[in-house]
């Protein structure tokens, strides 16, 4: 049964951070930080990203996933790389990051690495950050680019809010995100005419790996759930014109566990609904630059709360997580 959005996923309006005075901006930061301490998730409104731009990206991605599999496979890399290209169903099992053995996740994805890094490359260079751009539908490339820059800019604003929430200077996190290390993933959860295998979900229970995650989903049956401290699962309602934002493992580590990296999953639709349950989510995963050293923040450590973790490289930490989620080495 669904819980109200404010029960496990607080609604935070950040409009005053853009328009208000210093006191109002700090109040936004306070409520933002409290949500991450208590829940690790929040529903973000007042973000300023135009709805038509979001609709363009959503519609283009939906058209891509409707293409025949052989056409989509043209954009799948021959080696397993989770950070770009088309990922067909069966290629990922995220529950493995928690040492859980489950069948592969029931979803497919189209993934784009950092556009900031790609645009800095020479046109003829060969580089792991170069993206694969589908030719169909025709408007997909521009829609993805427009969405990426808006969402990436919003996430960078969220880190400035986060800094104030953690009693740090507003620009504290800026040097850690010079390369805009965001990965944009369009995730399609198809209808399920065949019953899933035991333990198989649209997306298995997991924690995100990096800093902050920005999610735009729809209201189709079989959606996102968060795990409360008592181990119970609760639906994440879709609030109109909102994004879901959550804390990843690296951000939780950075705050010395002051902010929660909350276990979450995407469940299957009810078995009586075998049609009309297709779900599409647009997910922006963000993490610090690969070479950044992540040590517990000074404002999250005191005599009663010593540092729980040694310093770690942001890139190495994320790569290890992605490798564990792979269903097979091929």
Protein backbone atom coordinates (compact mmCIF):
# COMPACT_ATOMS: atom_id res chain seq x y z
CA UNK A 1 0.00 0.00 0.00
CA UNK A 2 1.33 3.41 -0.90
CA UNK A 3 2.28 5.84 1.83
CA UNK A 4 1.89 9.62 1.49
CA UNK A 5 4.87 11.24 -0.18
CA UNK A 6 5.74 13.12 3.00
CA UNK A 7 5.86 9.90 5.02
CA UNK A 8 9.03 8.39 3.53
CA UNK A 9 9.91 10.79 0.71
CA UNK A 10 9.62 14.42 1.86
CA UNK A 11 8.63 17.07 -0.69
CA UNK A 12 11.19 19.88 -0.89
CA UNK A 13 10.53 23.11 -2.80
CA UNK A 14 13.82 24.79 -3.79
CA UNK A 15 12.30 27.80 -5.56
CA UNK A 16 13.37 30.09 -2.70
CA UNK A 17 16.99 29.04 -3.21
CA UNK A 18 16.86 30.73 -6.62
CA UNK A 19 14.65 33.68 -5.66
CA UNK A 20 14.81 34.22 -1.88
CA UNK A 21 17.04 36.11 0.52
CA UNK A 22 19.84 34.51 2.53
CA UNK A 23 17.54 33.36 5.33
CA UNK A 24 15.15 31.65 2.90
CA UNK A 25 18.01 30.01 1.02
CA UNK A 26 19.39 28.60 4.25
CA UNK A 27 15.95 27.32 5.21
CA UNK A 28 15.81 25.43 1.92
CA UNK A 29 19.23 23.95 2.69
CA UNK A 30 18.15 22.95 6.20
CA UNK A 31 15.04 21.07 5.00
CA UNK A 32 17.05 19.53 2.16
CA UNK A 33 19.68 18.18 4.55
CA UNK A 34 17.14 16.95 7.07
CA UNK A 35 15.38 14.92 4.36
CA UNK A 36 18.63 13.18 3.48
CA UNK A 37 19.40 12.49 7.13
CA UNK A 38 16.01 10.95 7.81
CA UNK A 39 15.09 9.35 4.48
CA UNK A 40 17.90 9.59 1.95
CA UNK A 41 15.20 10.41 -0.63
CA UNK A 42 13.18 13.53 -1.45
CA UNK A 43 10.74 14.76 -4.08
CA UNK A 44 12.05 18.00 -5.59
CA UNK A 45 9.74 20.75 -6.83
CA UNK A 46 10.44 24.33 -7.83
CA UNK A 47 13.48 23.12 -9.80
CA UNK A 48 12.99 25.37 -12.83
CA UNK A 49 13.49 22.82 -15.64
CA UNK A 50 10.80 23.42 -18.32
CA UNK A 51 8.29 20.60 -18.64
CA UNK A 52 8.25 20.69 -22.49
CA UNK A 53 11.99 19.97 -22.52
CA UNK A 54 11.47 16.98 -20.23
CA UNK A 55 8.59 15.76 -22.39
CA UNK A 56 10.79 15.94 -25.53
CA UNK A 57 13.44 13.72 -23.96
CA UNK A 58 10.86 11.30 -22.60
CA UNK A 59 9.06 11.01 -25.93
CA UNK A 60 12.26 10.49 -27.93
CA UNK A 61 13.45 7.75 -25.58
CA UNK A 62 10.08 6.01 -25.73
CA UNK A 63 10.28 5.97 -29.53
CA UNK A 64 13.76 4.48 -29.38
CA UNK A 65 12.69 1.61 -27.12
CA UNK A 66 9.82 0.82 -29.50
CA UNK A 67 12.32 0.04 -32.29
CA UNK A 68 12.96 -3.63 -33.17
CA UNK A 69 15.63 -5.27 -31.04
CA UNK A 70 18.03 -5.70 -33.97
CA UNK A 71 18.00 -1.94 -34.58
CA UNK A 72 18.61 -1.14 -30.92
CA UNK A 73 21.45 -3.67 -30.77
CA UNK A 74 23.38 -1.58 -33.29
CA UNK A 75 24.14 0.70 -30.36
CA UNK A 76 25.22 -2.03 -27.94
CA UNK A 77 28.96 -2.20 -27.39
CA UNK A 78 30.70 -5.54 -28.06
CA UNK A 79 32.32 -5.44 -24.63
CA UNK A 80 30.36 -4.95 -21.47
CA UNK A 81 30.44 -1.23 -20.68
CA UNK A 82 27.71 0.00 -18.40
CA UNK A 83 28.38 3.70 -18.96
CA UNK A 84 27.17 4.19 -22.54
CA UNK A 85 25.20 2.63 -25.37
CA UNK A 86 22.22 0.31 -25.45
CA UNK A 87 21.93 -2.26 -22.66
CA UNK A 88 19.46 -5.04 -23.54
CA UNK A 89 17.39 -6.89 -20.97
CA UNK A 90 19.44 -9.48 -19.11
CA UNK A 91 22.71 -7.56 -19.01
CA UNK A 92 22.52 -6.26 -15.45
CA UNK A 93 21.77 -7.57 -11.97
CA UNK A 94 22.19 -4.67 -9.56
CA UNK A 95 21.40 -6.77 -6.47
CA UNK A 96 24.84 -8.31 -6.96
CA UNK A 97 26.35 -5.14 -5.53
CA UNK A 98 24.91 -6.33 -2.20
CA UNK A 99 26.18 -9.89 -2.76
CA UNK A 100 22.64 -11.08 -3.59
CA UNK A 101 22.26 -13.65 -6.37
CA UNK A 102 19.06 -12.96 -8.30
CA UNK A 103 17.98 -13.36 -11.94
CA UNK A 104 18.81 -10.44 -14.26
CA UNK A 105 16.82 -7.24 -13.94
CA UNK A 106 13.78 -6.87 -16.22
CA UNK A 107 14.71 -3.65 -17.96
CA UNK A 108 16.65 -2.25 -20.89
CA UNK A 109 18.52 1.04 -21.01
CA UNK A 110 20.06 3.65 -23.27
CA UNK A 111 23.04 5.27 -21.57
CA UNK A 112 25.03 8.41 -22.29
CA UNK A 113 28.28 9.34 -20.58
CA UNK A 114 29.23 12.91 -19.73
CA UNK A 115 28.47 15.25 -22.62
CA UNK A 116 30.90 17.74 -21.11
CA UNK A 117 33.75 15.30 -21.53
CA UNK A 118 32.61 14.20 -24.99
CA UNK A 119 32.45 17.73 -26.34
CA UNK A 120 36.04 18.36 -25.31
CA UNK A 121 37.29 15.50 -27.56
CA UNK A 122 38.72 15.93 -31.03
CA UNK A 123 36.19 14.79 -33.68
CA UNK A 124 38.34 11.81 -34.76
CA UNK A 125 39.54 10.69 -31.33
CA UNK A 126 38.77 7.27 -29.86
CA UNK A 127 37.87 7.61 -26.22
CA UNK A 128 35.77 5.68 -23.67
CA UNK A 129 33.61 8.74 -23.00
CA UNK A 130 32.44 9.08 -26.62
CA UNK A 131 28.74 8.28 -26.82
CA UNK A 132 26.80 6.21 -29.35
CA UNK A 133 24.02 8.35 -30.84
CA UNK A 134 21.05 6.50 -32.36
CA UNK A 135 19.85 7.83 -35.71
CA UNK A 136 16.25 6.98 -34.82
CA UNK A 137 14.15 8.72 -33.78
CA UNK A 138 15.55 11.80 -35.56
CA UNK A 139 15.09 14.20 -32.64
CA UNK A 140 16.65 12.00 -29.98
CA UNK A 141 20.16 13.45 -30.08
CA UNK A 142 19.07 17.04 -29.55
CA UNK A 143 16.47 16.11 -26.93
CA UNK A 144 19.08 14.18 -24.92
CA UNK A 145 21.59 17.02 -25.14
CA UNK A 146 19.05 19.62 -24.04
CA UNK A 147 17.93 17.48 -21.14
CA UNK A 148 21.46 16.61 -20.03
CA UNK A 149 22.60 20.20 -19.66
CA UNK A 150 19.49 21.25 -17.76
CA UNK A 151 19.61 18.24 -15.42
CA UNK A 152 23.37 18.48 -14.92
CA UNK A 153 23.02 22.17 -14.06
CA UNK A 154 20.29 21.37 -11.55
CA UNK A 155 22.43 18.74 -9.85
CA UNK A 156 25.29 21.21 -9.53
CA UNK A 157 22.88 23.58 -7.81
CA UNK A 158 21.86 20.76 -5.47
CA UNK A 159 25.48 20.36 -4.39
CA UNK A 160 25.56 24.04 -3.47
CA UNK A 161 22.42 23.51 -1.40
CA UNK A 162 24.07 20.41 0.08
CA UNK A 163 27.12 22.40 1.11
CA UNK A 164 25.01 24.86 3.10
CA UNK A 165 23.04 22.00 4.61
CA UNK A 166 26.31 20.48 5.85
CA UNK A 167 27.56 23.80 7.30
CA UNK A 168 30.15 24.26 4.59
CA UNK A 169 30.81 27.21 2.27
CA UNK A 170 28.30 27.18 -0.60
CA UNK A 171 30.97 26.44 -3.20
CA UNK A 172 32.71 23.70 -1.20
CA UNK A 173 31.84 20.89 -3.63
CA UNK A 174 32.56 22.83 -6.84
CA UNK A 175 36.21 21.66 -7.21
CA UNK A 176 35.12 18.01 -6.99
CA UNK A 177 32.80 18.27 -10.02
CA UNK A 178 34.88 20.08 -12.63
CA UNK A 179 34.28 17.39 -15.28
CA UNK A 180 30.48 17.21 -14.93
CA UNK A 181 30.80 13.47 -14.34
CA UNK A 182 27.13 12.71 -14.92
CA UNK A 183 25.77 9.58 -16.60
CA UNK A 184 22.33 9.87 -18.17
CA UNK A 185 20.35 6.64 -18.32
CA UNK A 186 16.97 6.15 -19.97
CA UNK A 187 15.50 2.98 -18.45
CA UNK A 188 12.58 1.13 -20.04
CA UNK A 189 10.65 -1.43 -18.01
CA UNK A 190 8.54 -3.38 -20.54
CA UNK A 191 5.19 -5.06 -19.97
CA UNK A 192 5.51 -8.48 -18.36
CA UNK A 193 3.28 -10.94 -20.27
CA UNK A 194 5.39 -13.78 -18.84
CA UNK A 195 5.70 -14.21 -15.09
CA UNK A 196 9.13 -13.20 -13.75
CA UNK A 197 11.44 -15.82 -12.27
CA UNK A 198 11.48 -16.19 -8.46
CA UNK A 199 13.29 -13.20 -7.00
CA UNK A 200 13.38 -11.34 -10.31
CA UNK A 201 12.42 -7.64 -10.29
CA UNK A 202 12.37 -4.79 -12.73
CA UNK A 203 15.40 -3.50 -10.83
CA UNK A 204 16.74 -5.38 -7.84
CA UNK A 205 17.28 -3.94 -4.37
CA UNK A 206 20.42 -1.80 -4.34
CA UNK A 207 22.08 1.40 -3.26
CA UNK A 208 23.22 3.96 -5.83
CA UNK A 209 26.97 4.22 -6.13
CA UNK A 210 27.87 7.87 -6.40
CA UNK A 211 26.89 11.31 -5.14
CA UNK A 212 23.34 12.45 -5.89
CA UNK A 213 20.87 10.81 -8.30
CA UNK A 214 18.13 12.72 -10.13
CA UNK A 215 15.15 10.65 -11.34
CA UNK A 216 12.18 11.53 -13.50
CA UNK A 217 9.68 8.68 -13.68
CA UNK A 218 6.10 8.07 -14.66
CA UNK A 219 3.10 6.69 -12.82
CA UNK A 220 2.81 3.28 -14.53
CA UNK A 221 2.14 0.29 -12.24
CA UNK A 222 5.23 -1.39 -10.83
CA UNK A 223 7.38 1.47 -9.60
CA UNK A 224 10.11 2.66 -7.28
CA UNK A 225 10.12 1.63 -3.63
CA UNK A 226 12.32 2.66 -0.70
CA UNK A 227 13.24 0.59 2.32
CA UNK A 228 12.57 2.19 5.71
CA UNK A 229 14.83 1.75 8.73
CA UNK A 230 12.58 -1.05 10.03
CA UNK A 231 13.02 -3.02 6.80
CA UNK A 232 9.54 -2.31 5.40
CA UNK A 233 9.12 -1.27 1.76
CA UNK A 234 7.14 1.79 0.68
CA UNK A 235 6.06 3.10 -2.72
CA UNK A 236 7.53 6.37 -3.96
CA UNK A 237 4.57 8.34 -5.32
CA UNK A 238 4.98 10.41 -8.48
CA UNK A 239 4.47 14.08 -7.66
CA UNK A 240 3.53 16.10 -10.78
CA UNK A 241 6.43 18.11 -12.25
CA UNK A 242 8.87 16.79 -9.68
CA UNK A 243 12.14 14.89 -9.60
CA UNK A 244 13.12 12.24 -7.09
CA UNK A 245 16.57 12.88 -5.62
CA UNK A 246 18.50 10.37 -3.53
CA UNK A 247 21.87 9.92 -1.87
CA UNK A 248 24.41 7.44 -3.22
CA UNK A 249 26.96 5.39 -1.29
CA UNK A 250 29.81 7.77 -2.03
CA UNK A 251 27.88 10.79 -0.73
CA UNK A 252 26.86 8.87 2.38
CA UNK A 253 30.50 7.94 2.95
CA UNK A 254 31.52 11.57 2.40
CA UNK A 255 29.11 12.70 5.13
CA UNK A 256 30.28 9.97 7.53
CA UNK A 257 26.84 8.31 7.22
CA UNK A 258 25.10 11.51 8.31
CA UNK A 259 23.14 11.28 5.04
CA UNK A 260 21.53 7.95 4.20
CA UNK A 261 22.16 5.95 1.07
CA UNK A 262 18.80 4.21 1.18
CA UNK A 263 18.10 0.75 -0.19
CA UNK A 264 15.59 0.91 -3.07
CA UNK A 265 14.20 -1.20 -5.89
CA UNK A 266 11.74 -1.16 -8.80
CA UNK A 267 9.04 -3.77 -8.32
CA UNK A 268 7.05 -5.77 -10.86
CA UNK A 269 3.49 -4.73 -11.75
CA UNK A 270 0.63 -6.86 -10.41
CA UNK A 271 0.28 -10.14 -12.31
CA UNK A 272 -3.27 -9.31 -13.36
CA UNK A 273 -1.85 -6.34 -15.30
CA UNK A 274 0.18 -7.93 -18.09
CA UNK A 275 -0.39 -5.04 -20.51
CA UNK A 276 -0.27 -1.27 -20.11
CA UNK A 277 2.42 -1.41 -17.43
CA UNK A 278 5.42 -0.21 -19.47
CA UNK A 279 7.39 2.26 -17.40
CA UNK A 280 10.10 4.72 -18.46
CA UNK A 281 12.47 6.56 -16.14
CA UNK A 282 15.14 9.16 -16.90
CA UNK A 283 17.97 8.88 -14.39
CA UNK A 284 20.97 11.17 -14.02
CA UNK A 285 23.69 9.59 -11.90
CA UNK A 286 26.28 12.05 -10.70
CA UNK A 287 29.55 11.50 -8.92
CA UNK A 288 32.75 13.47 -8.26
CA UNK A 289 35.57 13.50 -10.80
CA UNK A 290 37.36 10.16 -11.09
CA UNK A 291 40.56 11.39 -9.47
CA UNK A 292 38.85 13.11 -6.56
CA UNK A 293 39.80 11.83 -3.11
CA UNK A 294 36.73 11.45 -0.93
CA UNK A 295 37.39 11.85 2.80
CA UNK A 296 34.81 12.35 5.54
CA UNK A 297 33.79 16.01 5.61
CA UNK A 298 35.12 18.01 8.58
CA UNK A 299 31.63 19.15 9.63
CA UNK A 300 30.52 15.50 9.86
CA UNK A 301 33.24 14.48 12.32
CA UNK A 302 33.61 15.25 16.01
CA UNK A 303 34.70 13.58 19.24
CA UNK A 304 31.55 11.45 19.34
CA UNK A 305 31.54 10.74 15.60
CA UNK A 306 35.04 9.81 14.40
CA UNK A 307 35.63 9.15 10.71
CA UNK A 308 34.15 5.78 9.75
CA UNK A 309 35.94 5.45 6.39
CA UNK A 310 39.44 5.96 4.99
CA UNK A 311 39.85 8.18 1.92
CA UNK A 312 38.84 6.60 -1.39
CA UNK A 313 39.17 7.49 -5.08
CA UNK A 314 35.75 8.41 -6.51
CA UNK A 315 36.40 6.69 -9.85
CA UNK A 316 37.75 3.45 -8.40
CA UNK A 317 34.87 3.22 -5.94
CA UNK A 318 32.21 3.57 -8.66
CA UNK A 319 33.96 1.20 -11.07
CA UNK A 320 34.09 -1.58 -8.49
CA UNK A 321 30.34 -1.23 -7.91
CA UNK A 322 29.53 -1.35 -11.63
CA UNK A 323 31.66 -4.44 -12.17
CA UNK A 324 29.84 -6.30 -9.40
CA UNK A 325 26.47 -5.55 -11.02
CA UNK A 326 27.45 -7.22 -14.30
CA UNK A 327 25.46 -10.37 -15.04
CA UNK A 328 28.28 -11.94 -17.05
CA UNK A 329 31.83 -10.98 -18.04
CA UNK A 330 31.01 -10.84 -21.75
